[in-house]
Protein backbone atom coordinates (compact mmCIF):
# COMPACT_ATOMS: atom_id res chain seq x y z
CA UNK A 1 -0.66 8.08 3.53
CA UNK A 2 -1.60 11.24 5.35
CA UNK A 3 1.69 11.20 7.07
CA UNK A 4 3.47 11.73 3.76
CA UNK A 5 1.58 14.78 2.71
CA UNK A 6 -1.14 12.66 0.31
CA UNK A 7 -4.60 14.95 0.73
CA UNK A 8 -6.47 12.96 -1.67
CA UNK A 9 -6.92 9.42 -0.80
CA UNK A 10 -9.00 6.51 -2.82
CA UNK A 11 -9.54 3.11 -1.06
CA UNK A 12 -11.17 0.25 -2.98
CA UNK A 13 -14.23 -1.93 -2.16
CA UNK A 14 -14.78 -4.97 -3.74
CA UNK A 15 -19.34 -4.88 -3.45
CA UNK A 16 -21.92 -6.59 -5.39
CA UNK A 17 -23.59 -2.56 -6.00
CA UNK A 18 -22.27 0.60 -6.33
CA UNK A 19 -19.56 1.90 -3.67
CA UNK A 20 -21.83 5.63 -3.40
CA UNK A 21 -24.73 3.46 -2.28
CA UNK A 22 -23.03 2.44 0.77
CA UNK A 23 -19.38 3.70 1.34
CA UNK A 24 -17.64 2.22 4.30
CA UNK A 25 -17.42 4.97 7.42
CA UNK A 26 -14.72 7.61 7.42
CA UNK A 27 -16.56 10.19 9.69
CA UNK A 28 -14.15 10.46 12.99
CA UNK A 29 -16.71 9.61 16.38
CA UNK A 30 -15.15 12.63 18.61
CA UNK A 31 -16.51 10.92 20.94
CA UNK A 32 -14.91 8.50 21.57
CA UNK A 33 -11.47 10.50 21.95
CA UNK A 34 -13.47 12.43 25.13
CA UNK A 35 -13.96 8.95 26.35
CA UNK A 36 -10.17 8.08 26.09
CA UNK A 37 -9.39 11.15 28.08
CA UNK A 38 -11.43 10.60 30.14
CA UNK A 39 -10.41 7.07 31.11
CA UNK A 40 -6.78 8.70 31.32
CA UNK A 41 -5.44 7.57 28.08
CA UNK A 42 -4.20 10.59 27.18
CA UNK A 43 -1.44 9.08 24.68
CA UNK A 44 -3.89 6.71 23.10
CA UNK A 45 -6.62 10.26 22.41
CA UNK A 46 -3.87 12.44 21.22
CA UNK A 47 -2.95 9.68 18.95
CA UNK A 48 -6.55 9.13 17.28
CA UNK A 49 -7.18 12.85 17.95
CA UNK A 50 -3.99 13.80 15.24
CA UNK A 51 -5.54 11.06 12.98
CA UNK A 52 -9.14 12.60 13.05
CA UNK A 53 -7.99 15.70 11.84
CA UNK A 54 -6.06 14.15 9.18
CA UNK A 55 -9.44 12.76 8.66
CA UNK A 56 -11.18 15.70 8.11
CA UNK A 57 -8.53 17.75 6.38
CA UNK A 58 -8.28 14.61 3.20
CA UNK A 59 -10.62 13.82 0.27
CA UNK A 60 -11.96 10.53 0.55
CA UNK A 61 -13.04 9.24 -2.56
CA UNK A 62 -14.16 5.92 -2.50
CA UNK A 63 -13.85 3.54 -5.42
CA UNK A 64 -15.96 0.22 -6.23
CA UNK A 65 -13.95 -2.67 -7.99
CA UNK A 66 -17.08 -4.77 -9.01
CA UNK A 67 -15.16 -7.95 -9.58
CA UNK A 68 -11.78 -9.13 -7.32
CA UNK A 69 -9.67 -9.49 -10.84
CA UNK A 70 -6.28 -8.32 -8.94
CA UNK A 71 -3.93 -5.84 -7.53
CA UNK A 72 -3.81 -4.56 -11.35
CA UNK A 73 -7.42 -4.64 -11.77
CA UNK A 74 -8.12 -2.53 -8.81
CA UNK A 75 -5.43 0.04 -9.73
CA UNK A 76 -7.11 0.54 -12.78
CA UNK A 77 -10.63 1.05 -11.31
CA UNK A 78 -9.32 4.41 -10.09
CA UNK A 79 -7.86 5.51 -13.79
CA UNK A 80 -11.05 8.54 -13.67
CA UNK A 81 -10.15 9.99 -10.88
CA UNK A 82 -6.65 10.43 -10.53
CA UNK A 83 -4.98 13.49 -12.14
CA UNK A 84 -1.72 13.65 -11.25
CA UNK A 85 1.41 11.13 -10.32
CA UNK A 86 0.39 8.79 -7.77
CA UNK A 87 0.84 6.55 -5.07
CA UNK A 88 -0.84 2.91 -4.80
CA UNK A 89 -0.42 1.54 -0.74
CA UNK A 90 -1.55 -2.10 -0.35
CA UNK A 91 -4.02 -2.10 2.53
CA UNK A 92 -2.80 -5.74 3.35
CA UNK A 93 0.63 -4.82 4.14
CA UNK A 94 1.57 -3.15 7.91
CA UNK A 95 5.21 -1.67 7.85
CA UNK A 96 6.88 -1.29 11.46
CA UNK A 97 9.08 1.40 10.09
CA UNK A 98 7.00 4.24 7.55
CA UNK A 99 10.28 6.42 6.69
CA UNK A 100 10.91 4.84 3.61
CA UNK A 101 7.21 5.36 2.25
CA UNK A 102 7.96 9.30 2.50
CA UNK A 103 11.42 8.18 0.52
CA UNK A 104 8.64 6.53 -1.79
CA UNK A 105 5.73 9.31 -2.13
CA UNK A 106 8.48 12.14 -2.56
CA UNK A 107 10.83 9.99 -5.25
CA UNK A 108 10.23 9.90 -8.98
CA UNK A 109 8.14 7.48 -10.99
CA UNK A 110 7.96 4.27 -11.14
CA UNK A 111 9.09 3.76 -7.65
CA UNK A 112 8.96 0.50 -5.90
CA UNK A 113 9.21 -0.54 -2.48
CA UNK A 114 11.27 -3.64 -1.93
CA UNK A 115 12.95 -5.85 0.80
CA UNK A 116 15.64 -8.45 0.26
CA UNK A 117 14.12 -11.55 2.13
CA UNK A 118 14.84 -15.27 2.09
CA UNK A 119 12.23 -17.07 -0.16
CA UNK A 120 10.13 -15.11 -2.73
CA UNK A 121 8.85 -17.20 -4.29
CA UNK A 122 5.24 -16.01 -3.02
CA UNK A 123 5.96 -12.32 -3.78
CA UNK A 124 6.51 -10.50 -7.18
CA UNK A 125 10.19 -10.38 -7.06
CA UNK A 126 12.34 -7.21 -8.51
CA UNK A 127 16.56 -7.76 -10.15
CA UNK A 128 17.80 -4.79 -9.90
CA UNK A 129 21.06 -3.51 -11.87
CA UNK A 130 23.18 -0.51 -11.05
CA UNK A 131 20.41 1.04 -8.51
CA UNK A 132 17.54 0.57 -11.42
CA UNK A 133 15.02 -2.37 -11.80
CA UNK A 134 15.44 -3.85 -15.34
CA UNK A 135 12.75 -7.16 -14.16
CA UNK A 136 9.88 -7.70 -12.24
CA UNK A 137 8.03 -11.00 -12.14
CA UNK A 138 4.93 -12.20 -10.50
CA UNK A 139 5.00 -14.87 -7.62
CA UNK A 140 7.82 -17.21 -10.23
CA UNK A 141 9.11 -20.57 -8.93
CA UNK A 142 12.33 -19.70 -9.81
CA UNK A 143 13.11 -16.47 -8.43
CA UNK A 144 15.26 -14.86 -10.47
CA UNK A 145 16.44 -12.34 -7.15
CA UNK A 146 16.04 -12.31 -3.22
CA UNK A 147 14.66 -8.62 -3.77
CA UNK A 148 10.62 -8.57 -3.01
CA UNK A 149 7.94 -6.49 -3.93
CA UNK A 150 6.59 -4.62 -0.89
CA UNK A 151 3.00 -3.41 -2.41
CA UNK A 152 4.08 0.25 -2.46
CA UNK A 153 4.35 2.20 -5.68
CA UNK A 154 4.60 5.33 -7.41
CA UNK A 155 3.58 5.22 -10.99
CA UNK A 156 3.27 8.79 -13.51
CA UNK A 157 -0.02 9.36 -13.92
CA UNK A 158 0.11 7.72 -17.43
CA UNK A 159 1.16 4.19 -16.17
CA UNK A 160 -2.43 3.52 -16.86
CA UNK A 161 -2.18 2.77 -20.00
CA UNK A 162 -0.15 -0.61 -19.47
CA UNK A 163 -3.09 -1.92 -17.41
CA UNK A 164 -5.37 -1.12 -20.22
CA UNK A 165 -2.90 -3.25 -22.24
CA UNK A 166 -2.01 -6.68 -20.39
CA UNK A 167 -3.81 -9.59 -20.39
CA UNK A 168 -4.58 -11.73 -17.00
CA UNK A 169 -1.57 -13.52 -15.60
CA UNK A 170 -0.82 -15.99 -12.56
CA UNK A 171 -4.44 -16.45 -10.97
CA UNK A 172 -5.98 -15.43 -13.96
CA UNK A 173 -5.41 -11.31 -12.34
CA UNK A 174 -4.33 -8.44 -13.96
CA UNK A 175 -1.19 -8.68 -12.17
CA UNK A 176 0.43 -5.07 -11.80
CA UNK A 177 3.99 -6.41 -11.59
CA UNK A 178 2.76 -7.18 -15.44
CA UNK A 179 2.34 -3.45 -16.12
CA UNK A 180 5.19 -2.41 -14.80
CA UNK A 181 7.35 -5.19 -16.37
CA UNK A 182 5.58 -3.60 -20.05
CA UNK A 183 6.16 -0.55 -18.96
CA UNK A 184 10.14 -0.71 -18.43
CA UNK A 185 10.53 -3.12 -21.20
CA UNK A 186 9.04 0.31 -23.08
CA UNK A 187 11.41 2.57 -21.30
CA UNK A 188 10.26 3.41 -18.19
CA UNK A 189 12.95 3.85 -16.10
CA UNK A 190 11.76 1.90 -12.30
CA UNK A 191 14.15 2.57 -8.98
CA UNK A 192 13.86 0.25 -5.63
CA UNK A 193 13.58 1.91 -2.46
CA UNK A 194 15.07 -0.32 -0.06
CA UNK A 195 12.88 -1.66 3.21
CA UNK A 196 15.13 -2.58 6.17
CA UNK A 197 12.71 -3.21 8.94
CA UNK A 198 10.10 -5.59 10.40
CA UNK A 199 6.76 -5.98 7.83
CA UNK A 200 3.42 -7.88 8.61
CA UNK A 201 0.95 -8.93 6.08
CA UNK A 202 -2.97 -8.88 7.27
CA UNK A 203 -4.45 -10.29 4.72
CA UNK A 204 -5.78 -12.98 6.83
CA UNK A 205 -7.26 -12.95 10.21
CA UNK A 206 -4.14 -15.07 11.67
CA UNK A 207 -1.38 -12.73 10.09
CA UNK A 208 -3.95 -9.59 11.41
CA UNK A 209 -3.84 -10.71 15.08
CA UNK A 210 0.59 -11.64 14.67
CA UNK A 211 0.66 -8.18 13.90
CA UNK A 212 -1.29 -7.00 16.71
CA UNK A 213 0.34 -9.23 18.69
CA UNK A 214 3.65 -7.22 17.83
CA UNK A 215 2.64 -3.61 18.45
CA UNK A 216 1.22 -4.10 21.36
CA UNK A 217 4.69 -5.76 22.86
CA UNK A 218 6.65 -3.32 21.02
CA UNK A 219 3.69 0.05 22.70
CA UNK A 220 4.45 -2.39 26.30
CA UNK A 221 8.36 -2.25 26.13
CA UNK A 222 8.44 1.54 24.85
CA UNK A 223 5.52 2.07 28.36
CA UNK A 224 8.28 0.41 30.14
CA UNK A 225 11.48 1.92 29.29
CA UNK A 226 9.63 5.31 30.40
């Protein structure tokens, strides 16, 4: 999210012990950048250097989710360290085109990234009327529309009050979708940000590998074009 201007990021971990005891490593490895440069891989070195500079200019706070009780529960765990409108980005989804995320970050909350798909049963689904989301439902057997919710959202600071009120839903988990529906029912406006490009669910080794293969293929084609 650094390229969107976010300087404070809140990654989640799922560990038995508190995250502060063993936080994931975020220290840039500048020696590796030097190795890339020595190997003549200037493009990769430049890209990694740019990323490392964003890391060093950011404040990264880790929030522990003691048990995997759902996406909504993970977001709720961050309430004590969020003091403004905030963006939620699902780390298991890769977007080929990040520009809609900029629109999302600059929009007023609630805003949700959505995409029209052929079979939305495996997603949260949104019903849109006159440019406003009027209903959301998690993984419906009979989808009310073909508009799938991608896991990128912008919420107001007080959105946590809806997460605190919902009960476990699909899969026995605290669903973010249910909290959004509650907010909509109580008059909070939710708007869609449409995404039209390629995306990958990278939540499994197989889908992660598929995404990597696609990225490598695109990189090769771009290199050939030059």
